[in-house]
Amino acid sequence: MSEGQSDDRYSERMQKKKAIMDARIRDASDERGVIIVNTGTGKGKSSAGFGMVARALGHGQKAGVVQFIKGKFATGEEAFFRQFDKVTYHVMGEGYTWETQDRSRDVEMAGAAWEQARALLGDDSVDLVLLDELNIALKKEFLDLPTVLEDLANRPPGQ
């Protein structure tokens, strides 16, 4: 096969693909918010969430952050995002659970964090809510799962 034939075939395949993708984009008219859950061991979950906050800011959107566990030390993410008027930032925890060693206090702090999260989830002017380390608060049973699921389900449609 000559170089010219290969280019022609490639162009033809890409034109077909473009038609398919254009149709998918045209038909994807459902405007709604989504819930993204980042889980797993090790690092990267919070970074992925903060990447979404940066993306929202890039689109001129308003974001809210609630951190459920961290709180004893300053983070670069907090220092950075507090510079933006369109970000509401709440550090609600008192540190890692192996440091606090006080379950009743951890439950109390998680409850206060959830109240802040609930306020953000109920505010239709907030486009994105990052619930950093919520999965830890749920795994440790610091929060009532049915309540959390109900509040998430009742958030504004585009959030």
C-alpha atoms as a PDB file:
ATOM      1  CA  MET A   1       0.000   0.000   0.000  1.00  0.00           C
ATOM      2  CA  SER A   2       1.416   3.384  -0.929  1.00  0.00           C
ATOM      3  CA  GLU A   3       1.659   6.353   1.402  1.00  0.00           C
ATOM      4  CA  GLY A   4      -1.158   8.188  -0.433  1.00  0.00           C
ATOM      5  CA  GLN A   5      -3.572   5.265  -0.130  1.00  0.00           C
ATOM      6  CA  SER A   6      -2.834   4.999   3.590  1.00  0.00           C
ATOM      7  CA  ASP A   7      -3.564   8.700   4.107  1.00  0.00           C
ATOM      8  CA  ASP A   8      -6.792   8.442   2.107  1.00  0.00           C
ATOM      9  CA  ARG A   9      -7.964   5.432   4.093  1.00  0.00           C
ATOM     10  CA  TYR A  10      -7.085   7.149   7.375  1.00  0.00           C
ATOM     11  CA  SER A  11      -8.975  10.283   6.342  1.00  0.00           C
ATOM     12  CA  GLU A  12     -12.017   8.227   5.352  1.00  0.00           C
ATOM     13  CA  ARG A  13     -12.014   6.363   8.695  1.00  0.00           C
ATOM     14  CA  MET A  14     -11.668   9.596  10.662  1.00  0.00           C
ATOM     15  CA  GLN A  15     -14.538  11.214   8.717  1.00  0.00           C
ATOM     16  CA  LYS A  16     -16.775   8.278   9.646  1.00  0.00           C
ATOM     17  CA  LYS A  17     -15.642   8.462  13.266  1.00  0.00           C
ATOM     18  CA  LYS A  18     -16.281  12.219  13.342  1.00  0.00           C
ATOM     19  CA  ALA A  19     -19.831  11.695  12.080  1.00  0.00           C
ATOM     20  CA  ILE A  20     -20.443   9.127  14.829  1.00  0.00           C
ATOM     21  CA  MET A  21     -18.955  11.347  17.547  1.00  0.00           C
ATOM     22  CA  ASP A  22     -20.816  14.447  16.326  1.00  0.00           C
ATOM     23  CA  ALA A  23     -24.093  12.496  16.503  1.00  0.00           C
ATOM     24  CA  ARG A  24     -23.312  11.290  20.032  1.00  0.00           C
ATOM     25  CA  ILE A  25     -22.538  14.832  21.199  1.00  0.00           C
ATOM     26  CA  ARG A  26     -25.679  16.198  19.498  1.00  0.00           C
ATOM     27  CA  ASP A  27     -27.824  13.498  21.151  1.00  0.00           C
ATOM     28  CA  ALA A  28     -26.270  13.968  24.591  1.00  0.00           C
ATOM     29  CA  SER A  29     -28.626  16.756  25.605  1.00  0.00           C
ATOM     30  CA  ASP A  30     -29.184  15.535  29.176  1.00  0.00           C
ATOM     31  CA  GLU A  31     -27.842  18.362  31.379  1.00  0.00           C
ATOM     32  CA  ARG A  32     -27.325  16.937  34.859  1.00  0.00           C
ATOM     33  CA  GLY A  33     -24.812  16.728  37.628  1.00  0.00           C
ATOM     34  CA  VAL A  34     -22.921  13.558  38.397  1.00  0.00           C
ATOM     35  CA  ILE A  35     -21.417  12.016  41.491  1.00  0.00           C
ATOM     36  CA  ILE A  36     -17.831  10.850  41.155  1.00  0.00           C
ATOM     37  CA  VAL A  37     -16.386   8.609  43.867  1.00  0.00           C
ATOM     38  CA  ASN A  38     -12.611   8.207  44.057  1.00  0.00           C
ATOM     39  CA  THR A  39     -11.593   5.277  46.251  1.00  0.00           C
ATOM     40  CA  GLY A  40      -8.577   3.085  46.837  1.00  0.00           C
ATOM     41  CA  THR A  41      -5.503   2.807  48.968  1.00  0.00           C
ATOM     42  CA  GLY A  42      -2.706   5.297  48.768  1.00  0.00           C
ATOM     43  CA  LYS A  43      -2.500   8.743  47.307  1.00  0.00           C
ATOM     44  CA  GLY A  44      -4.400  10.422  44.485  1.00  0.00           C
ATOM     45  CA  LYS A  45      -8.033  10.550  45.581  1.00  0.00           C
ATOM     46  CA  SER A  46      -7.957  14.085  46.973  1.00  0.00           C
ATOM     47  CA  SER A  47      -5.724  15.249  44.119  1.00  0.00           C
ATOM     48  CA  ALA A  48      -8.298  13.994  41.608  1.00  0.00           C
ATOM     49  CA  GLY A  49     -11.041  15.885  43.449  1.00  0.00           C
ATOM     50  CA  PHE A  50      -9.026  19.080  43.583  1.00  0.00           C
ATOM     51  CA  GLY A  51      -8.370  18.733  39.867  1.00  0.00           C
ATOM     52  CA  MET A  52     -12.138  18.859  39.375  1.00  0.00           C
ATOM     53  CA  VAL A  53     -12.301  22.021  41.514  1.00  0.00           C
ATOM     54  CA  ALA A  54      -9.616  23.618  39.314  1.00  0.00           C
ATOM     55  CA  ARG A  55     -11.549  22.596  36.209  1.00  0.00           C
ATOM     56  CA  ALA A  56     -14.762  24.120  37.602  1.00  0.00           C
ATOM     57  CA  LEU A  57     -12.930  27.377  38.305  1.00  0.00           C
ATOM     58  CA  GLY A  58     -11.562  27.356  34.770  1.00  0.00           C
ATOM     59  CA  HIS A  59     -15.160  27.293  33.534  1.00  0.00           C
ATOM     60  CA  GLY A  60     -16.159  30.170  35.825  1.00  0.00           C
ATOM     61  CA  GLN A  61     -18.111  27.911  38.157  1.00  0.00           C
ATOM     62  CA  LYS A  62     -18.507  28.100  41.910  1.00  0.00           C
ATOM     63  CA  ALA A  63     -17.170  25.274  44.077  1.00  0.00           C
ATOM     64  CA  GLY A  64     -17.402  24.222  47.696  1.00  0.00           C
ATOM     65  CA  VAL A  65     -14.916  22.008  49.537  1.00  0.00           C
ATOM     66  CA  VAL A  66     -15.516  20.141  52.779  1.00  0.00           C
ATOM     67  CA  GLN A  67     -12.638  18.122  54.213  1.00  0.00           C
ATOM     68  CA  PHE A  68     -13.863  15.540  56.701  1.00  0.00           C
ATOM     69  CA  ILE A  69     -10.643  14.265  58.291  1.00  0.00           C
ATOM     70  CA  LYS A  70      -7.652  16.520  57.623  1.00  0.00           C
ATOM     71  CA  GLY A  71      -7.357  19.581  59.760  1.00  0.00           C
ATOM     72  CA  LYS A  72      -4.269  19.573  61.947  1.00  0.00           C
ATOM     73  CA  PHE A  73      -1.903  20.782  59.250  1.00  0.00           C
ATOM     74  CA  ALA A  74      -1.905  23.277  56.411  1.00  0.00           C
ATOM     75  CA  THR A  75      -2.091  21.955  52.851  1.00  0.00           C
ATOM     76  CA  GLY A  76      -1.077  23.476  49.554  1.00  0.00           C
ATOM     77  CA  GLU A  77      -4.557  22.810  48.195  1.00  0.00           C
ATOM     78  CA  GLU A  78      -6.161  24.858  50.922  1.00  0.00           C
ATOM     79  CA  ALA A  79      -3.665  27.722  50.523  1.00  0.00           C
ATOM     80  CA  PHE A  80      -4.219  27.745  46.763  1.00  0.00           C
ATOM     81  CA  PHE A  81      -8.005  27.455  46.587  1.00  0.00           C
ATOM     82  CA  ARG A  82      -8.652  29.970  49.378  1.00  0.00           C
ATOM     83  CA  GLN A  83      -7.333  32.615  46.982  1.00  0.00           C
ATOM     84  CA  PHE A  84     -10.476  32.320  44.851  1.00  0.00           C
ATOM     85  CA  ASP A  85     -13.774  34.033  45.668  1.00  0.00           C
ATOM     86  CA  LYS A  86     -15.623  31.269  43.824  1.00  0.00           C
ATOM     87  CA  VAL A  87     -14.387  28.587  46.244  1.00  0.00           C
ATOM     88  CA  THR A  88     -15.856  28.052  49.695  1.00  0.00           C
ATOM     89  CA  TYR A  89     -13.375  25.972  51.717  1.00  0.00           C
ATOM     90  CA  HIS A  90     -14.147  24.185  54.991  1.00  0.00           C
ATOM     91  CA  VAL A  91     -11.576  22.114  56.874  1.00  0.00           C
ATOM     92  CA  MET A  92     -13.754  20.321  59.394  1.00  0.00           C
ATOM     93  CA  GLY A  93     -11.682  17.447  60.762  1.00  0.00           C
ATOM     94  CA  GLU A  94      -9.176  17.465  63.567  1.00  0.00           C
ATOM     95  CA  GLY A  95      -6.655  15.166  61.948  1.00  0.00           C
ATOM     96  CA  TYR A  96      -6.241  11.541  61.042  1.00  0.00           C
ATOM     97  CA  THR A  97      -8.231   9.132  63.194  1.00  0.00           C
ATOM     98  CA  TRP A  98      -5.102   7.345  64.425  1.00  0.00           C
ATOM     99  CA  GLU A  99      -3.927  10.716  65.747  1.00  0.00           C
ATOM    100  CA  THR A 100      -7.175  11.918  67.331  1.00  0.00           C
ATOM    101  CA  GLN A 101      -7.947   8.570  69.012  1.00  0.00           C
ATOM    102  CA  ASP A 102     -11.319   9.898  70.188  1.00  0.00           C
ATOM    103  CA  ARG A 103     -14.198   8.267  68.339  1.00  0.00           C
ATOM    104  CA  SER A 104     -16.949  10.368  69.914  1.00  0.00           C
ATOM    105  CA  ARG A 105     -15.117  13.565  68.958  1.00  0.00           C
ATOM    106  CA  ASP A 106     -14.477  12.239  65.426  1.00  0.00           C
ATOM    107  CA  VAL A 107     -18.202  11.430  65.076  1.00  0.00           C
ATOM    108  CA  GLU A 108     -19.098  14.919  66.331  1.00  0.00           C
ATOM    109  CA  MET A 109     -16.694  16.583  63.883  1.00  0.00           C
ATOM    110  CA  ALA A 110     -17.941  14.451  60.969  1.00  0.00           C
ATOM    111  CA  GLY A 111     -21.512  15.456  61.844  1.00  0.00           C
ATOM    112  CA  ALA A 112     -20.553  19.137  61.797  1.00  0.00           C
ATOM    113  CA  ALA A 113     -18.776  18.598  58.473  1.00  0.00           C
ATOM    114  CA  TRP A 114     -21.871  16.930  57.050  1.00  0.00           C
ATOM    115  CA  GLU A 115     -24.030  19.883  58.088  1.00  0.00           C
ATOM    116  CA  GLN A 116     -21.671  22.153  56.140  1.00  0.00           C
ATOM    117  CA  ALA A 117     -21.760  19.740  53.195  1.00  0.00           C
ATOM    118  CA  ARG A 118     -25.567  19.642  53.357  1.00  0.00           C
ATOM    119  CA  ALA A 119     -25.666  23.445  53.143  1.00  0.00           C
ATOM    120  CA  LEU A 120     -23.459  23.400  50.032  1.00  0.00           C
ATOM    121  CA  LEU A 121     -25.482  20.573  48.480  1.00  0.00           C
ATOM    122  CA  GLY A 122     -28.646  22.603  49.051  1.00  0.00           C
ATOM    123  CA  ASP A 123     -27.249  25.740  47.402  1.00  0.00           C
ATOM    124  CA  ASP A 124     -28.086  25.800  43.703  1.00  0.00           C
ATOM    125  CA  SER A 125     -25.499  28.535  43.108  1.00  0.00           C
ATOM    126  CA  VAL A 126     -22.739  26.010  43.907  1.00  0.00           C
ATOM    127  CA  ASP A 127     -21.809  24.045  40.792  1.00  0.00           C
ATOM    128  CA  LEU A 128     -19.393  21.528  42.320  1.00  0.00           C
ATOM    129  CA  VAL A 129     -19.068  20.166  45.847  1.00  0.00           C
ATOM    130  CA  LEU A 130     -15.931  18.253  46.813  1.00  0.00           C
ATOM    131  CA  LEU A 131     -16.523  16.053  49.859  1.00  0.00           C
ATOM    132  CA  ASP A 132     -12.906  15.180  50.562  1.00  0.00           C
ATOM    133  CA  GLU A 133     -12.475  12.050  52.695  1.00  0.00           C
ATOM    134  CA  LEU A 134     -16.220  11.465  53.008  1.00  0.00           C
ATOM    135  CA  ASN A 135     -15.555   7.811  52.215  1.00  0.00           C
ATOM    136  CA  ILE A 136     -13.416   7.534  55.375  1.00  0.00           C
ATOM    137  CA  ALA A 137     -16.142   9.092  57.538  1.00  0.00           C
ATOM    138  CA  LEU A 138     -18.628   6.614  56.058  1.00  0.00           C
ATOM    139  CA  LYS A 139     -16.329   3.597  56.408  1.00  0.00           C
ATOM    140  CA  LYS A 140     -15.698   4.457  60.067  1.00  0.00           C
ATOM    141  CA  GLU A 141     -19.486   4.895  60.506  1.00  0.00           C
ATOM    142  CA  PHE A 142     -19.110   8.468  61.708  1.00  0.00           C
ATOM    143  CA  LEU A 143     -22.142   9.394  59.559  1.00  0.00           C
ATOM    144  CA  ASP A 144     -25.497   7.797  58.782  1.00  0.00           C
ATOM    145  CA  LEU A 145     -25.221   6.396  55.239  1.00  0.00           C
ATOM    146  CA  PRO A 146     -28.968   6.651  54.384  1.00  0.00           C
ATOM    147  CA  THR A 147     -28.937  10.342  55.364  1.00  0.00           C
ATOM    148  CA  VAL A 148     -25.864  11.017  53.226  1.00  0.00           C
ATOM    149  CA  LEU A 149     -27.384   9.206  50.236  1.00  0.00           C
ATOM    150  CA  GLU A 150     -30.669  11.080  50.595  1.00  0.00           C
ATOM    151  CA  ASP A 151     -28.921  14.460  50.785  1.00  0.00           C
ATOM    152  CA  LEU A 152     -26.819  13.616  47.722  1.00  0.00           C
ATOM    153  CA  ALA A 153     -29.921  12.532  45.809  1.00  0.00           C
ATOM    154  CA  ASN A 154     -31.705  15.781  46.692  1.00  0.00           C
ATOM    155  CA  ARG A 155     -28.955  18.151  45.540  1.00  0.00           C
ATOM    156  CA  PRO A 156     -29.726  20.565  42.667  1.00  0.00           C
ATOM    157  CA  PRO A 157     -29.956  18.740  39.307  1.00  0.00           C
ATOM    158  CA  GLY A 158     -26.925  20.436  37.736  1.00  0.00           C
ATOM    159  CA  GLN A 159     -24.602  20.124  40.713  1.00  0.00           C
END
